[in-house]
Amino acid sequence: MCAAMLQAVQIVSDEPERRHILRQLTQRAHQTIRELGLQTIGEGPAPIVPVLVGDDHAVVQLSSKLLQLGWFVPAIRPPTVRPGTARLRISISCAHSADSIVAVLTQIRHLLDRGVPFS
């Protein structure tokens, strides 16, 4: 575990461009959320980007449907978050592309427009 932590610190030190890329991808996610009329909480630099759904049952169904479509977007619901604030959690990394982030958010918008539950 310590060796992995040391390696991570070394990568952060040696490859600052990764932080820049991650910041750009996170900003792109927030921009796309606004453009698609989705809701999030804040727009900070953290690469964990929530998409608010609200309903506990709906968020689980959305997460399951996204997984069927090839997207791993976990549902976060009470007691982890306050009742009425269930959300999908998008975890962005440097391995993602801007296109993939736009694609998953567009898919979320499409699924929400179709309504829950899904047939």
PDB file of N, CA and C in Angstrom:
ATOM      1  N   MET A   1       0.829  -1.175   0.000  1.00  0.00           N
ATOM      2  CA  MET A   1       0.000   0.000   0.000  1.00  0.00           C
ATOM      3  C   MET A   1       0.885   1.253   0.000  1.00  0.00           C
ATOM      4  N   CYS A   2       1.912   1.233   0.815  1.00  0.00           N
ATOM      5  CA  CYS A   2       2.809   2.395   0.875  1.00  0.00           C
ATOM      6  C   CYS A   2       3.517   2.612  -0.457  1.00  0.00           C
ATOM      7  N   ALA A   3       3.937   1.514  -1.099  1.00  0.00           N
ATOM      8  CA  ALA A   3       4.612   1.639  -2.391  1.00  0.00           C
ATOM      9  C   ALA A   3       3.678   2.264  -3.429  1.00  0.00           C
ATOM     10  N   ALA A   4       2.407   1.871  -3.398  1.00  0.00           N
ATOM     11  CA  ALA A   4       1.429   2.436  -4.335  1.00  0.00           C
ATOM     12  C   ALA A   4       1.225   3.930  -4.065  1.00  0.00           C
ATOM     13  N   MET A   5       1.156   4.288  -2.802  1.00  0.00           N
ATOM     14  CA  MET A   5       0.998   5.701  -2.443  1.00  0.00           C
ATOM     15  C   MET A   5       2.209   6.520  -2.898  1.00  0.00           C
ATOM     16  N   LEU A   6       3.384   5.983  -2.693  1.00  0.00           N
ATOM     17  CA  LEU A   6       4.592   6.685  -3.130  1.00  0.00           C
ATOM     18  C   LEU A   6       4.613   6.858  -4.647  1.00  0.00           C
ATOM     19  N   GLN A   7       4.199   5.810  -5.358  1.00  0.00           N
ATOM     20  CA  GLN A   7       4.142   5.889  -6.816  1.00  0.00           C
ATOM     21  C   GLN A   7       3.130   6.938  -7.265  1.00  0.00           C
ATOM     22  N   ALA A   8       1.992   7.005  -6.583  1.00  0.00           N
ATOM     23  CA  ALA A   8       0.973   8.003  -6.916  1.00  0.00           C
ATOM     24  C   ALA A   8       1.511   9.418  -6.711  1.00  0.00           C
ATOM     25  N   VAL A   9       2.208   9.630  -5.615  1.00  0.00           N
ATOM     26  CA  VAL A   9       2.796  10.944  -5.358  1.00  0.00           C
ATOM     27  C   VAL A   9       3.824  11.284  -6.435  1.00  0.00           C
ATOM     28  N   GLN A  10       4.590  10.292  -6.859  1.00  0.00           N
ATOM     29  CA  GLN A  10       5.594  10.503  -7.907  1.00  0.00           C
ATOM     30  C   GLN A  10       4.922  10.894  -9.225  1.00  0.00           C
ATOM     31  N   ILE A  11       3.839  10.225  -9.566  1.00  0.00           N
ATOM     32  CA  ILE A  11       3.119  10.533 -10.806  1.00  0.00           C
ATOM     33  C   ILE A  11       2.563  11.956 -10.753  1.00  0.00           C
ATOM     34  N   VAL A  12       1.968  12.327  -9.621  1.00  0.00           N
ATOM     35  CA  VAL A  12       1.429  13.687  -9.477  1.00  0.00           C
ATOM     36  C   VAL A  12       2.536  14.716  -9.665  1.00  0.00           C
ATOM     37  N   SER A  13       3.700  14.410  -9.126  1.00  0.00           N
ATOM     38  CA  SER A  13       4.834  15.330  -9.228  1.00  0.00           C
ATOM     39  C   SER A  13       5.395  15.392 -10.646  1.00  0.00           C
ATOM     40  N   ASP A  14       5.521  14.220 -11.287  1.00  0.00           N
ATOM     41  CA  ASP A  14       6.165  14.142 -12.601  1.00  0.00           C
ATOM     42  C   ASP A  14       5.242  14.477 -13.772  1.00  0.00           C
ATOM     43  N   GLU A  15       3.939  14.366 -13.582  1.00  0.00           N
ATOM     44  CA  GLU A  15       3.006  14.518 -14.699  1.00  0.00           C
ATOM     45  C   GLU A  15       1.882  15.510 -14.357  1.00  0.00           C
ATOM     46  N   PRO A  16       2.229  16.783 -14.174  1.00  0.00           N
ATOM     47  CA  PRO A  16       1.201  17.776 -13.801  1.00  0.00           C
ATOM     48  C   PRO A  16       0.126  17.951 -14.877  1.00  0.00           C
ATOM     49  N   GLU A  17       0.425  17.550 -16.097  1.00  0.00           N
ATOM     50  CA  GLU A  17      -0.569  17.680 -17.161  1.00  0.00           C
ATOM     51  C   GLU A  17      -1.803  16.826 -16.889  1.00  0.00           C
ATOM     52  N   ARG A  18      -1.642  15.764 -16.111  1.00  0.00           N
ATOM     53  CA  ARG A  18      -2.801  14.930 -15.765  1.00  0.00           C
ATOM     54  C   ARG A  18      -3.832  15.736 -14.978  1.00  0.00           C
ATOM     55  N   ARG A  19      -3.379  16.563 -14.049  1.00  0.00           N
ATOM     56  CA  ARG A  19      -4.306  17.402 -13.281  1.00  0.00           C
ATOM     57  C   ARG A  19      -5.016  18.388 -14.207  1.00  0.00           C
ATOM     58  N   HIS A  20      -4.282  18.936 -15.161  1.00  0.00           N
ATOM     59  CA  HIS A  20      -4.867  19.883 -16.115  1.00  0.00           C
ATOM     60  C   HIS A  20      -5.941  19.189 -16.962  1.00  0.00           C
ATOM     61  N   ILE A  21      -5.630  18.010 -17.466  1.00  0.00           N
ATOM     62  CA  ILE A  21      -6.590  17.246 -18.273  1.00  0.00           C
ATOM     63  C   ILE A  21      -7.828  16.923 -17.452  1.00  0.00           C
ATOM     64  N   LEU A  22      -7.615  16.465 -16.227  1.00  0.00           N
ATOM     65  CA  LEU A  22      -8.730  16.109 -15.357  1.00  0.00           C
ATOM     66  C   LEU A  22      -9.608  17.327 -15.076  1.00  0.00           C
ATOM     67  N   ARG A  23      -8.996  18.476 -14.845  1.00  0.00           N
ATOM     68  CA  ARG A  23      -9.747  19.712 -14.611  1.00  0.00           C
ATOM     69  C   ARG A  23     -10.577  20.062 -15.846  1.00  0.00           C
ATOM     70  N   GLN A  24      -9.991  19.943 -17.043  1.00  0.00           N
ATOM     71  CA  GLN A  24     -10.724  20.244 -18.281  1.00  0.00           C
ATOM     72  C   GLN A  24     -11.903  19.297 -18.480  1.00  0.00           C
ATOM     73  N   LEU A  25     -11.691  18.011 -18.214  1.00  0.00           N
ATOM     74  CA  LEU A  25     -12.770  17.035 -18.372  1.00  0.00           C
ATOM     75  C   LEU A  25     -13.905  17.303 -17.383  1.00  0.00           C
ATOM     76  N   THR A  26     -13.548  17.665 -16.166  1.00  0.00           N
ATOM     77  CA  THR A  26     -14.565  17.974 -15.161  1.00  0.00           C
ATOM     78  C   THR A  26     -15.363  19.215 -15.569  1.00  0.00           C
ATOM     79  N   GLN A  27     -14.676  20.229 -16.069  1.00  0.00           N
ATOM     80  CA  GLN A  27     -15.366  21.433 -16.540  1.00  0.00           C
ATOM     81  C   GLN A  27     -16.287  21.104 -17.708  1.00  0.00           C
ATOM     82  N   ARG A  28     -15.831  20.218 -18.596  1.00  0.00           N
ATOM     83  CA  ARG A  28     -16.666  19.812 -19.736  1.00  0.00           C
ATOM     84  C   ARG A  28     -17.917  19.085 -19.264  1.00  0.00           C
ATOM     85  N   ALA A  29     -17.771  18.249 -18.252  1.00  0.00           N
ATOM     86  CA  ALA A  29     -18.926  17.544 -17.699  1.00  0.00           C
ATOM     87  C   ALA A  29     -19.951  18.547 -17.172  1.00  0.00           C
ATOM     88  N   HIS A  30     -19.506  19.524 -16.402  1.00  0.00           N
ATOM     89  CA  HIS A  30     -20.432  20.518 -15.849  1.00  0.00           C
ATOM     90  C   HIS A  30     -21.086  21.348 -16.950  1.00  0.00           C
ATOM     91  N   GLN A  31     -20.322  21.698 -17.962  1.00  0.00           N
ATOM     92  CA  GLN A  31     -20.877  22.451 -19.092  1.00  0.00           C
ATOM     93  C   GLN A  31     -21.969  21.633 -19.792  1.00  0.00           C
ATOM     94  N   THR A  32     -21.699  20.367 -20.021  1.00  0.00           N
ATOM     95  CA  THR A  32     -22.661  19.495 -20.700  1.00  0.00           C
ATOM     96  C   THR A  32     -23.912  19.302 -19.848  1.00  0.00           C
ATOM     97  N   ILE A  33     -23.735  19.157 -18.549  1.00  0.00           N
ATOM     98  CA  ILE A  33     -24.882  19.038 -17.649  1.00  0.00           C
ATOM     99  C   ILE A  33     -25.789  20.261 -17.805  1.00  0.00           C
ATOM    100  N   ARG A  34     -25.199  21.443 -17.821  1.00  0.00           N
ATOM    101  CA  ARG A  34     -25.996  22.674 -18.009  1.00  0.00           C
ATOM    102  C   ARG A  34     -26.695  22.655 -19.368  1.00  0.00           C
ATOM    103  N   GLU A  35     -25.945  22.327 -20.417  1.00  0.00           N
ATOM    104  CA  GLU A  35     -26.499  22.340 -21.782  1.00  0.00           C
ATOM    105  C   GLU A  35     -27.666  21.373 -21.936  1.00  0.00           C
ATOM    106  N   LEU A  36     -27.596  20.234 -21.240  1.00  0.00           N
ATOM    107  CA  LEU A  36     -28.640  19.218 -21.356  1.00  0.00           C
ATOM    108  C   LEU A  36     -29.799  19.431 -20.392  1.00  0.00           C
ATOM    109  N   GLY A  37     -29.676  20.449 -19.548  1.00  0.00           N
ATOM    110  CA  GLY A  37     -30.745  20.722 -18.597  1.00  0.00           C
ATOM    111  C   GLY A  37     -30.792  19.728 -17.446  1.00  0.00           C
ATOM    112  N   LEU A  38     -29.681  19.084 -17.167  1.00  0.00           N
ATOM    113  CA  LEU A  38     -29.591  18.191 -16.017  1.00  0.00           C
ATOM    114  C   LEU A  38     -29.230  19.019 -14.790  1.00  0.00           C
ATOM    115  N   GLN A  39     -29.326  18.399 -13.614  1.00  0.00           N
ATOM    116  CA  GLN A  39     -28.995  19.106 -12.382  1.00  0.00           C
ATOM    117  C   GLN A  39     -27.814  18.437 -11.694  1.00  0.00           C
ATOM    118  N   THR A  40     -26.984  19.256 -11.070  1.00  0.00           N
ATOM    119  CA  THR A  40     -25.854  18.765 -10.303  1.00  0.00           C
ATOM    120  C   THR A  40     -25.771  19.563  -9.016  1.00  0.00           C
ATOM    121  N   ILE A  41     -24.754  19.279  -8.233  1.00  0.00           N
ATOM    122  CA  ILE A  41     -24.512  20.026  -6.997  1.00  0.00           C
ATOM    123  C   ILE A  41     -23.166  20.711  -7.156  1.00  0.00           C
ATOM    124  N   GLY A  42     -23.180  22.029  -7.192  1.00  0.00           N
ATOM    125  CA  GLY A  42     -21.932  22.767  -7.332  1.00  0.00           C
ATOM    126  C   GLY A  42     -21.241  22.481  -8.655  1.00  0.00           C
ATOM    127  N   GLU A  43     -20.190  23.202  -8.898  1.00  0.00           N
ATOM    128  CA  GLU A  43     -19.407  22.994 -10.109  1.00  0.00           C
ATOM    129  C   GLU A  43     -17.937  23.137  -9.777  1.00  0.00           C
ATOM    130  N   GLY A  44     -17.526  22.543  -8.684  1.00  0.00           N
ATOM    131  CA  GLY A  44     -16.144  22.622  -8.258  1.00  0.00           C
ATOM    132  C   GLY A  44     -15.232  21.746  -9.097  1.00  0.00           C
ATOM    133  N   PRO A  45     -13.965  21.735  -8.729  1.00  0.00           N
ATOM    134  CA  PRO A  45     -12.967  21.007  -9.513  1.00  0.00           C
ATOM    135  C   PRO A  45     -12.918  19.501  -9.246  1.00  0.00           C
ATOM    136  N   ALA A  46     -13.692  19.011  -8.282  1.00  0.00           N
ATOM    137  CA  ALA A  46     -13.639  17.584  -7.950  1.00  0.00           C
ATOM    138  C   ALA A  46     -14.092  16.739  -9.138  1.00  0.00           C
ATOM    139  N   PRO A  47     -13.362  15.665  -9.453  1.00  0.00           N
ATOM    140  CA  PRO A  47     -13.716  14.820 -10.595  1.00  0.00           C
ATOM    141  C   PRO A  47     -14.828  13.818 -10.305  1.00  0.00           C
ATOM    142  N   ILE A  48     -15.496  13.961  -9.179  1.00  0.00           N
ATOM    143  CA  ILE A  48     -16.699  13.183  -8.885  1.00  0.00           C
ATOM    144  C   ILE A  48     -17.864  14.119  -9.153  1.00  0.00           C
ATOM    145  N   VAL A  49     -18.615  13.823 -10.210  1.00  0.00           N
ATOM    146  CA  VAL A  49     -19.666  14.732 -10.666  1.00  0.00           C
ATOM    147  C   VAL A  49     -21.024  14.058 -10.481  1.00  0.00           C
ATOM    148  N   PRO A  50     -21.857  14.605  -9.581  1.00  0.00           N
ATOM    149  CA  PRO A  50     -23.183  14.037  -9.374  1.00  0.00           C
ATOM    150  C   PRO A  50     -24.200  14.583 -10.375  1.00  0.00           C
ATOM    151  N   VAL A  51     -25.110  13.704 -10.786  1.00  0.00           N
ATOM    152  CA  VAL A  51     -26.259  14.124 -11.584  1.00  0.00           C
ATOM    153  C   VAL A  51     -27.481  13.810 -10.734  1.00  0.00           C
ATOM    154  N   LEU A  52     -28.158  14.862 -10.285  1.00  0.00           N
ATOM    155  CA  LEU A  52     -29.297  14.692  -9.393  1.00  0.00           C
ATOM    156  C   LEU A  52     -30.483  14.065 -10.108  1.00  0.00           C
ATOM    157  N   VAL A  53     -31.091  13.087  -9.436  1.00  0.00           N
ATOM    158  CA  VAL A  53     -32.294  12.438  -9.937  1.00  0.00           C
ATOM    159  C   VAL A  53     -33.429  12.651  -8.941  1.00  0.00           C
ATOM    160  N   GLY A  54     -33.118  12.533  -7.656  1.00  0.00           N
ATOM    161  CA  GLY A  54     -34.102  12.778  -6.608  1.00  0.00           C
ATOM    162  C   GLY A  54     -34.756  11.528  -6.090  1.00  0.00           C
ATOM    163  N   ASP A  55     -35.384  10.767  -6.957  1.00  0.00           N
ATOM    164  CA  ASP A  55     -36.129   9.579  -6.565  1.00  0.00           C
ATOM    165  C   ASP A  55     -35.203   8.367  -6.415  1.00  0.00           C
ATOM    166  N   ASP A  56     -35.292   7.699  -5.261  1.00  0.00           N
ATOM    167  CA  ASP A  56     -34.417   6.558  -4.968  1.00  0.00           C
ATOM    168  C   ASP A  56     -34.600   5.420  -5.967  1.00  0.00           C
ATOM    169  N   HIS A  57     -35.836   5.071  -6.238  1.00  0.00           N
ATOM    170  CA  HIS A  57     -36.122   3.963  -7.156  1.00  0.00           C
ATOM    171  C   HIS A  57     -35.655   4.296  -8.578  1.00  0.00           C
ATOM    172  N   ALA A  58     -35.929   5.514  -9.015  1.00  0.00           N
ATOM    173  CA  ALA A  58     -35.562   5.928 -10.378  1.00  0.00           C
ATOM    174  C   ALA A  58     -34.052   5.911 -10.561  1.00  0.00           C
ATOM    175  N   VAL A  59     -33.292   6.373  -9.569  1.00  0.00           N
ATOM    176  CA  VAL A  59     -31.837   6.429  -9.719  1.00  0.00           C
ATOM    177  C   VAL A  59     -31.252   5.026  -9.828  1.00  0.00           C
ATOM    178  N   VAL A  60     -31.818   4.068  -9.105  1.00  0.00           N
ATOM    179  CA  VAL A  60     -31.340   2.678  -9.195  1.00  0.00           C
ATOM    180  C   VAL A  60     -31.650   2.123 -10.578  1.00  0.00           C
ATOM    181  N   GLN A  61     -32.833   2.400 -11.082  1.00  0.00           N
ATOM    182  CA  GLN A  61     -33.195   1.930 -12.420  1.00  0.00           C
ATOM    183  C   GLN A  61     -32.315   2.574 -13.491  1.00  0.00           C
ATOM    184  N   LEU A  62     -32.049   3.854 -13.358  1.00  0.00           N
ATOM    185  CA  LEU A  62     -31.171   4.538 -14.312  1.00  0.00           C
ATOM    186  C   LEU A  62     -29.776   3.923 -14.301  1.00  0.00           C
ATOM    187  N   SER A  63     -29.231   3.712 -13.128  1.00  0.00           N
ATOM    188  CA  SER A  63     -27.897   3.127 -13.011  1.00  0.00           C
ATOM    189  C   SER A  63     -27.851   1.741 -13.643  1.00  0.00           C
ATOM    190  N   SER A  64     -28.876   0.952 -13.392  1.00  0.00           N
ATOM    191  CA  SER A  64     -28.947  -0.400 -13.964  1.00  0.00           C
ATOM    192  C   SER A  64     -29.028  -0.353 -15.485  1.00  0.00           C
ATOM    193  N   LYS A  65     -29.858   0.528 -16.008  1.00  0.00           N
ATOM    194  CA  LYS A  65     -30.001   0.658 -17.465  1.00  0.00           C
ATOM    195  C   LYS A  65     -28.698   1.140 -18.096  1.00  0.00           C
ATOM    196  N   LEU A  66     -28.032   2.097 -17.449  1.00  0.00           N
ATOM    197  CA  LEU A  66     -26.749   2.575 -17.971  1.00  0.00           C
ATOM    198  C   LEU A  66     -25.722   1.446 -17.991  1.00  0.00           C
ATOM    199  N   LEU A  67     -25.716   0.606 -16.970  1.00  0.00           N
ATOM    200  CA  LEU A  67     -24.783  -0.526 -16.945  1.00  0.00           C
ATOM    201  C   LEU A  67     -25.076  -1.479 -18.103  1.00  0.00           C
ATOM    202  N   GLN A  68     -26.341  -1.725 -18.379  1.00  0.00           N
ATOM    203  CA  GLN A  68     -26.719  -2.570 -19.527  1.00  0.00           C
ATOM    204  C   GLN A  68     -26.200  -1.980 -20.837  1.00  0.00           C
ATOM    205  N   LEU A  69     -26.117  -0.663 -20.887  1.00  0.00           N
ATOM    206  CA  LEU A  69     -25.651   0.028 -22.093  1.00  0.00           C
ATOM    207  C   LEU A  69     -24.131   0.211 -22.120  1.00  0.00           C
ATOM    208  N   GLY A  70     -23.443  -0.280 -21.077  1.00  0.00           N
ATOM    209  CA  GLY A  70     -21.988  -0.225 -21.059  1.00  0.00           C
ATOM    210  C   GLY A  70     -21.377   0.895 -20.242  1.00  0.00           C
ATOM    211  N   TRP A  71     -22.185   1.598 -19.460  1.00  0.00           N
ATOM    212  CA  TRP A  71     -21.703   2.711 -18.645  1.00  0.00           C
ATOM    213  C   TRP A  71     -21.802   2.350 -17.169  1.00  0.00           C
ATOM    214  N   PHE A  72     -20.718   2.451 -16.430  1.00  0.00           N
ATOM    215  CA  PHE A  72     -20.739   2.221 -14.991  1.00  0.00           C
ATOM    216  C   PHE A  72     -20.926   3.563 -14.293  1.00  0.00           C
ATOM    217  N   VAL A  73     -22.167   3.824 -13.896  1.00  0.00           N
ATOM    218  CA  VAL A  73     -22.531   5.077 -13.236  1.00  0.00           C
ATOM    219  C   VAL A  73     -23.373   4.692 -12.011  1.00  0.00           C
ATOM    220  N   PRO A  74     -22.733   4.564 -10.854  1.00  0.00           N
ATOM    221  CA  PRO A  74     -23.447   4.092  -9.664  1.00  0.00           C
ATOM    222  C   PRO A  74     -24.538   5.043  -9.181  1.00  0.00           C
ATOM    223  N   ALA A  75     -25.555   4.439  -8.582  1.00  0.00           N
ATOM    224  CA  ALA A  75     -26.626   5.185  -7.931  1.00  0.00           C
ATOM    225  C   ALA A  75     -26.211   5.446  -6.491  1.00  0.00           C
ATOM    226  N   ILE A  76     -26.373   6.676  -6.043  1.00  0.00           N
ATOM    227  CA  ILE A  76     -26.088   7.051  -4.664  1.00  0.00           C
ATOM    228  C   ILE A  76     -27.402   7.536  -4.060  1.00  0.00           C
ATOM    229  N   ARG A  77     -27.803   6.897  -2.981  1.00  0.00           N
ATOM    230  CA  ARG A  77     -29.103   7.221  -2.389  1.00  0.00           C
ATOM    231  C   ARG A  77     -29.014   7.133  -0.868  1.00  0.00           C
ATOM    232  N   PRO A  78     -30.086   7.549  -0.183  1.00  0.00           N
ATOM    233  CA  PRO A  78     -30.063   7.479   1.279  1.00  0.00           C
ATOM    234  C   PRO A  78     -29.769   6.041   1.743  1.00  0.00           C
ATOM    235  N   PRO A  79     -29.022   5.905   2.792  1.00  0.00           N
ATOM    236  CA  PRO A  79     -28.653   6.924   3.772  1.00  0.00           C
ATOM    237  C   PRO A  79     -27.345   7.646   3.445  1.00  0.00           C
ATOM    238  N   THR A  80     -26.725   7.333   2.302  1.00  0.00           N
ATOM    239  CA  THR A  80     -25.469   7.996   1.938  1.00  0.00           C
ATOM    240  C   THR A  80     -25.678   9.481   1.678  1.00  0.00           C
ATOM    241  N   VAL A  81     -26.822   9.829   1.106  1.00  0.00           N
ATOM    242  CA  VAL A  81     -27.178  11.234   0.867  1.00  0.00           C
ATOM    243  C   VAL A  81     -28.551  11.496   1.488  1.00  0.00           C
ATOM    244  N   ARG A  82     -28.903  12.762   1.643  1.00  0.00           N
ATOM    245  CA  ARG A  82     -30.193  13.127   2.229  1.00  0.00           C
ATOM    246  C   ARG A  82     -31.347  12.603   1.380  1.00  0.00           C
ATOM    247  N   PRO A  83     -32.464  12.235   2.019  1.00  0.00           N
ATOM    248  CA  PRO A  83     -33.653  11.832   1.261  1.00  0.00           C
ATOM    249  C   PRO A  83     -34.037  12.909   0.242  1.00  0.00           C
ATOM    250  N   GLY A  84     -34.421  12.468  -0.934  1.00  0.00           N
ATOM    251  CA  GLY A  84     -34.817  13.393  -1.995  1.00  0.00           C
ATOM    252  C   GLY A  84     -33.664  13.907  -2.836  1.00  0.00           C
ATOM    253  N   THR A  85     -32.426  13.461  -2.529  1.00  0.00           N
ATOM    254  CA  THR A  85     -31.262  13.932  -3.292  1.00  0.00           C
ATOM    255  C   THR A  85     -30.506  12.775  -3.945  1.00  0.00           C
ATOM    256  N   ALA A  86     -31.201  11.676  -4.221  1.00  0.00           N
ATOM    257  CA  ALA A  86     -30.553  10.549  -4.895  1.00  0.00           C
ATOM    258  C   ALA A  86     -29.926  11.027  -6.189  1.00  0.00           C
ATOM    259  N   ARG A  87     -28.797  10.434  -6.528  1.00  0.00           N
ATOM    260  CA  ARG A  87     -28.036  10.919  -7.676  1.00  0.00           C
ATOM    261  C   ARG A  87     -27.249   9.811  -8.339  1.00  0.00           C
ATOM    262  N   LEU A  88     -26.860  10.062  -9.558  1.00  0.00           N
ATOM    263  CA  LEU A  88     -25.892   9.226 -10.260  1.00  0.00           C
ATOM    264  C   LEU A  88     -24.529   9.837 -10.009  1.00  0.00           C
ATOM    265  N   ARG A  89     -23.518   8.988  -9.832  1.00  0.00           N
ATOM    266  CA  ARG A  89     -22.170   9.500  -9.575  1.00  0.00           C
ATOM    267  C   ARG A  89     -21.263   9.165 -10.756  1.00  0.00           C
ATOM    268  N   ILE A  90     -20.793  10.200 -11.426  1.00  0.00           N
ATOM    269  CA  ILE A  90     -19.849  10.040 -12.527  1.00  0.00           C
ATOM    270  C   ILE A  90     -18.456  10.328 -11.977  1.00  0.00           C
ATOM    271  N   SER A  91     -17.590   9.340 -12.049  1.00  0.00           N
ATOM    272  CA  SER A  91     -16.213   9.487 -11.573  1.00  0.00           C
ATOM    273  C   SER A  91     -15.312   9.642 -12.791  1.00  0.00           C
ATOM    274  N   ILE A  92     -14.761  10.824 -12.961  1.00  0.00           N
ATOM    275  CA  ILE A  92     -13.962  11.143 -14.143  1.00  0.00           C
ATOM    276  C   ILE A  92     -12.490  10.864 -13.856  1.00  0.00           C
ATOM    277  N   SER A  93     -11.813  10.312 -14.854  1.00  0.00           N
ATOM    278  CA  SER A  93     -10.365  10.100 -14.760  1.00  0.00           C
ATOM    279  C   SER A  93      -9.716  10.569 -16.056  1.00  0.00           C
ATOM    280  N   CYS A  94      -8.401  10.629 -16.050  1.00  0.00           N
ATOM    281  CA  CYS A  94      -7.664  11.022 -17.262  1.00  0.00           C
ATOM    282  C   CYS A  94      -7.822  10.001 -18.380  1.00  0.00           C
ATOM    283  N   ALA A  95      -8.290   8.809 -18.045  1.00  0.00           N
ATOM    284  CA  ALA A  95      -8.498   7.770 -19.060  1.00  0.00           C
ATOM    285  C   ALA A  95      -9.752   8.041 -19.894  1.00  0.00           C
ATOM    286  N   HIS A  96     -10.621   8.926 -19.420  1.00  0.00           N
ATOM    287  CA  HIS A  96     -11.830   9.254 -20.167  1.00  0.00           C
ATOM    288  C   HIS A  96     -11.534  10.315 -21.223  1.00  0.00           C
ATOM    289  N   SER A  97     -12.417  10.391 -22.189  1.00  0.00           N
ATOM    290  CA  SER A  97     -12.318  11.445 -23.199  1.00  0.00           C
ATOM    291  C   SER A  97     -13.504  12.385 -23.013  1.00  0.00           C
ATOM    292  N   ALA A  98     -13.371  13.580 -23.548  1.00  0.00           N
ATOM    293  CA  ALA A  98     -14.483  14.531 -23.500  1.00  0.00           C
ATOM    294  C   ALA A  98     -15.697  13.943 -24.221  1.00  0.00           C
ATOM    295  N   ASP A  99     -15.455  13.243 -25.321  1.00  0.00           N
ATOM    296  CA  ASP A  99     -16.555  12.632 -26.079  1.00  0.00           C
ATOM    297  C   ASP A  99     -17.306  11.597 -25.248  1.00  0.00           C
ATOM    298  N   SER A 100     -16.575  10.794 -24.465  1.00  0.00           N
ATOM    299  CA  SER A 100     -17.253   9.772 -23.655  1.00  0.00           C
ATOM    300  C   SER A 100     -18.070  10.420 -22.543  1.00  0.00           C
ATOM    301  N   ILE A 101     -17.586  11.503 -21.983  1.00  0.00           N
ATOM    302  CA  ILE A 101     -18.327  12.204 -20.933  1.00  0.00           C
ATOM    303  C   ILE A 101     -19.610  12.800 -21.515  1.00  0.00           C
ATOM    304  N   VAL A 102     -19.508  13.424 -22.667  1.00  0.00           N
ATOM    305  CA  VAL A 102     -20.696  13.974 -23.327  1.00  0.00           C
ATOM    306  C   VAL A 102     -21.663  12.842 -23.672  1.00  0.00           C
ATOM    307  N   ALA A 103     -21.141  11.717 -24.140  1.00  0.00           N
ATOM    308  CA  ALA A 103     -21.994  10.592 -24.530  1.00  0.00           C
ATOM    309  C   ALA A 103     -22.785  10.037 -23.350  1.00  0.00           C
ATOM    310  N   VAL A 104     -22.128   9.837 -22.209  1.00  0.00           N
ATOM    311  CA  VAL A 104     -22.860   9.276 -21.068  1.00  0.00           C
ATOM    312  C   VAL A 104     -23.887  10.268 -20.538  1.00  0.00           C
ATOM    313  N   LEU A 105     -23.556  11.535 -20.507  1.00  0.00           N
ATOM    314  CA  LEU A 105     -24.525  12.528 -20.052  1.00  0.00           C
ATOM    315  C   LEU A 105     -25.696  12.652 -21.018  1.00  0.00           C
ATOM    316  N   THR A 106     -25.430  12.553 -22.300  1.00  0.00           N
ATOM    317  CA  THR A 106     -26.494  12.571 -23.299  1.00  0.00           C
ATOM    318  C   THR A 106     -27.388  11.347 -23.132  1.00  0.00           C
ATOM    319  N   GLN A 107     -26.779  10.198 -22.825  1.00  0.00           N
ATOM    320  CA  GLN A 107     -27.547   8.979 -22.591  1.00  0.00           C
ATOM    321  C   GLN A 107     -28.437   9.135 -21.357  1.00  0.00           C
ATOM    322  N   ILE A 108     -27.905   9.737 -20.311  1.00  0.00           N
ATOM    323  CA  ILE A 108     -28.703   9.986 -19.106  1.00  0.00           C
ATOM    324  C   ILE A 108     -29.903  10.870 -19.447  1.00  0.00           C
ATOM    325  N   ARG A 109     -29.670  11.953 -20.193  1.00  0.00           N
ATOM    326  CA  ARG A 109     -30.765  12.844 -20.593  1.00  0.00           C
ATOM    327  C   ARG A 109     -31.817  12.069 -21.380  1.00  0.00           C
ATOM    328  N   HIS A 110     -31.359  11.237 -22.321  1.00  0.00           N
ATOM    329  CA  HIS A 110     -32.267  10.447 -23.149  1.00  0.00           C
ATOM    330  C   HIS A 110     -33.118   9.510 -22.283  1.00  0.00           C
ATOM    331  N   LEU A 111     -32.476   8.828 -21.345  1.00  0.00           N
ATOM    332  CA  LEU A 111     -33.210   7.899 -20.484  1.00  0.00           C
ATOM    333  C   LEU A 111     -34.215   8.642 -19.604  1.00  0.00           C
ATOM    334  N   LEU A 112     -33.817   9.784 -19.067  1.00  0.00           N
ATOM    335  CA  LEU A 112     -34.749  10.561 -18.259  1.00  0.00           C
ATOM    336  C   LEU A 112     -35.935  11.032 -19.092  1.00  0.00           C
ATOM    337  N   ASP A 113     -35.679  11.400 -20.346  1.00  0.00           N
ATOM    338  CA  ASP A 113     -36.756  11.843 -21.226  1.00  0.00           C
ATOM    339  C   ASP A 113     -37.728  10.709 -21.548  1.00  0.00           C
ATOM    340  N   ARG A 114     -37.205   9.475 -21.588  1.00  0.00           N
ATOM    341  CA  ARG A 114     -38.068   8.304 -21.834  1.00  0.00           C
ATOM    342  C   ARG A 114     -38.931   7.982 -20.636  1.00  0.00           C
ATOM    343  N   GLY A 115     -38.470   8.386 -19.468  1.00  0.00           N
ATOM    344  CA  GLY A 115     -39.235   8.140 -18.243  1.00  0.00           C
ATOM    345  C   GLY A 115     -38.809   6.857 -17.553  1.00  0.00           C
ATOM    346  N   VAL A 116     -39.049   6.816 -16.278  1.00  0.00           N
ATOM    347  CA  VAL A 116     -38.735   5.661 -15.440  1.00  0.00           C
ATOM    348  C   VAL A 116     -40.055   5.168 -14.880  1.00  0.00           C
ATOM    349  N   PRO A 117     -40.349   3.887 -14.850  1.00  0.00           N
ATOM    350  CA  PRO A 117     -39.458   2.771 -15.143  1.00  0.00           C
ATOM    351  C   PRO A 117     -39.329   2.542 -16.649  1.00  0.00           C
ATOM    352  N   PHE A 118     -38.270   1.811 -16.992  1.00  0.00           N
ATOM    353  CA  PHE A 118     -38.005   1.508 -18.392  1.00  0.00           C
ATOM    354  C   PHE A 118     -38.635   0.185 -18.750  1.00  0.00           C
ATOM    355  N   SER A 119     -39.090   0.094 -19.980  1.00  0.00           N
ATOM    356  CA  SER A 119     -39.680  -1.176 -20.426  1.00  0.00           C
ATOM    357  C   SER A 119     -38.671  -1.976 -21.214  1.00  0.00           C
TER     358      SER A 119
END
